[in-house]
Amino acid sequence: MTDYETEATRTRAYEIWEREGRPAGQHESHWRQALAELGLIQP
């Protein structure tokens, strides 16, 4: 993964976390969801 892709994923995962009310323990789920939304993995 490039630095750009990592930063884009980090930003999107943070947005998902905030949108969902900042739940604890969901970081892996949010990271995978961000990757899928950015087209970096298959959903």
C-alpha atoms as a PDB file:
ATOM      1  CA  MET A   1       0.000   0.000   0.000  1.00  0.00           C
ATOM      2  CA  THR A   2       1.339   3.434  -0.899  1.00  0.00           C
ATOM      3  CA  ASP A   3       1.629   6.286   1.597  1.00  0.00           C
ATOM      4  CA  TYR A   4      -1.281   7.981  -0.162  1.00  0.00           C
ATOM      5  CA  GLU A   5      -3.483   4.884   0.129  1.00  0.00           C
ATOM      6  CA  THR A   6      -2.590   4.463   3.796  1.00  0.00           C
ATOM      7  CA  GLU A   7      -3.454   8.076   4.574  1.00  0.00           C
ATOM      8  CA  ALA A   8      -6.695   7.920   2.577  1.00  0.00           C
ATOM      9  CA  THR A   9      -7.674   4.728   4.409  1.00  0.00           C
ATOM     10  CA  ARG A  10      -6.831   6.257   7.784  1.00  0.00           C
ATOM     11  CA  THR A  11      -8.918   9.337   7.027  1.00  0.00           C
ATOM     12  CA  ARG A  12     -11.893   7.316   5.781  1.00  0.00           C
ATOM     13  CA  ALA A  13     -11.754   4.904   8.735  1.00  0.00           C
ATOM     14  CA  TYR A  14     -11.782   7.882  11.107  1.00  0.00           C
ATOM     15  CA  GLU A  15     -14.830   9.326   9.330  1.00  0.00           C
ATOM     16  CA  ILE A  16     -16.626   5.980   9.634  1.00  0.00           C
ATOM     17  CA  TRP A  17     -15.718   5.777  13.336  1.00  0.00           C
ATOM     18  CA  GLU A  18     -17.088   9.265  13.959  1.00  0.00           C
ATOM     19  CA  ARG A  19     -20.260   8.624  11.950  1.00  0.00           C
ATOM     20  CA  GLU A  20     -20.966   5.491  13.992  1.00  0.00           C
ATOM     21  CA  GLY A  21     -20.672   7.368  17.274  1.00  0.00           C
ATOM     22  CA  ARG A  22     -17.026   6.599  18.072  1.00  0.00           C
ATOM     23  CA  PRO A  23     -17.538   3.021  19.287  1.00  0.00           C
ATOM     24  CA  ALA A  24     -14.651   1.330  21.075  1.00  0.00           C
ATOM     25  CA  GLY A  25     -13.092  -1.809  19.635  1.00  0.00           C
ATOM     26  CA  GLN A  26     -14.277  -1.381  16.048  1.00  0.00           C
ATOM     27  CA  HIS A  27     -11.015  -0.157  14.511  1.00  0.00           C
ATOM     28  CA  GLU A  28     -10.401  -3.290  12.415  1.00  0.00           C
ATOM     29  CA  SER A  29     -13.932  -3.257  11.048  1.00  0.00           C
ATOM     30  CA  HIS A  30     -13.687   0.428  10.195  1.00  0.00           C
ATOM     31  CA  TRP A  31     -10.281  -0.082   8.546  1.00  0.00           C
ATOM     32  CA  ARG A  32     -11.624  -2.931   6.362  1.00  0.00           C
ATOM     33  CA  GLN A  33     -14.714  -0.910   5.466  1.00  0.00           C
ATOM     34  CA  ALA A  34     -12.534   2.047   4.471  1.00  0.00           C
ATOM     35  CA  LEU A  35     -10.336  -0.187   2.308  1.00  0.00           C
ATOM     36  CA  ALA A  36     -13.410  -1.581   0.575  1.00  0.00           C
ATOM     37  CA  GLU A  37     -14.942   1.859   0.012  1.00  0.00           C
ATOM     38  CA  LEU A  38     -11.692   3.080  -1.514  1.00  0.00           C
ATOM     39  CA  GLY A  39     -11.553   0.057  -3.820  1.00  0.00           C
ATOM     40  CA  LEU A  40      -8.371  -1.306  -2.275  1.00  0.00           C
ATOM     41  CA  ILE A  41      -9.945  -4.666  -1.339  1.00  0.00           C
ATOM     42  CA  GLN A  42     -13.006  -6.636  -2.391  1.00  0.00           C
ATOM     43  CA  PRO A  43     -15.971  -6.010  -0.058  1.00  0.00           C
END
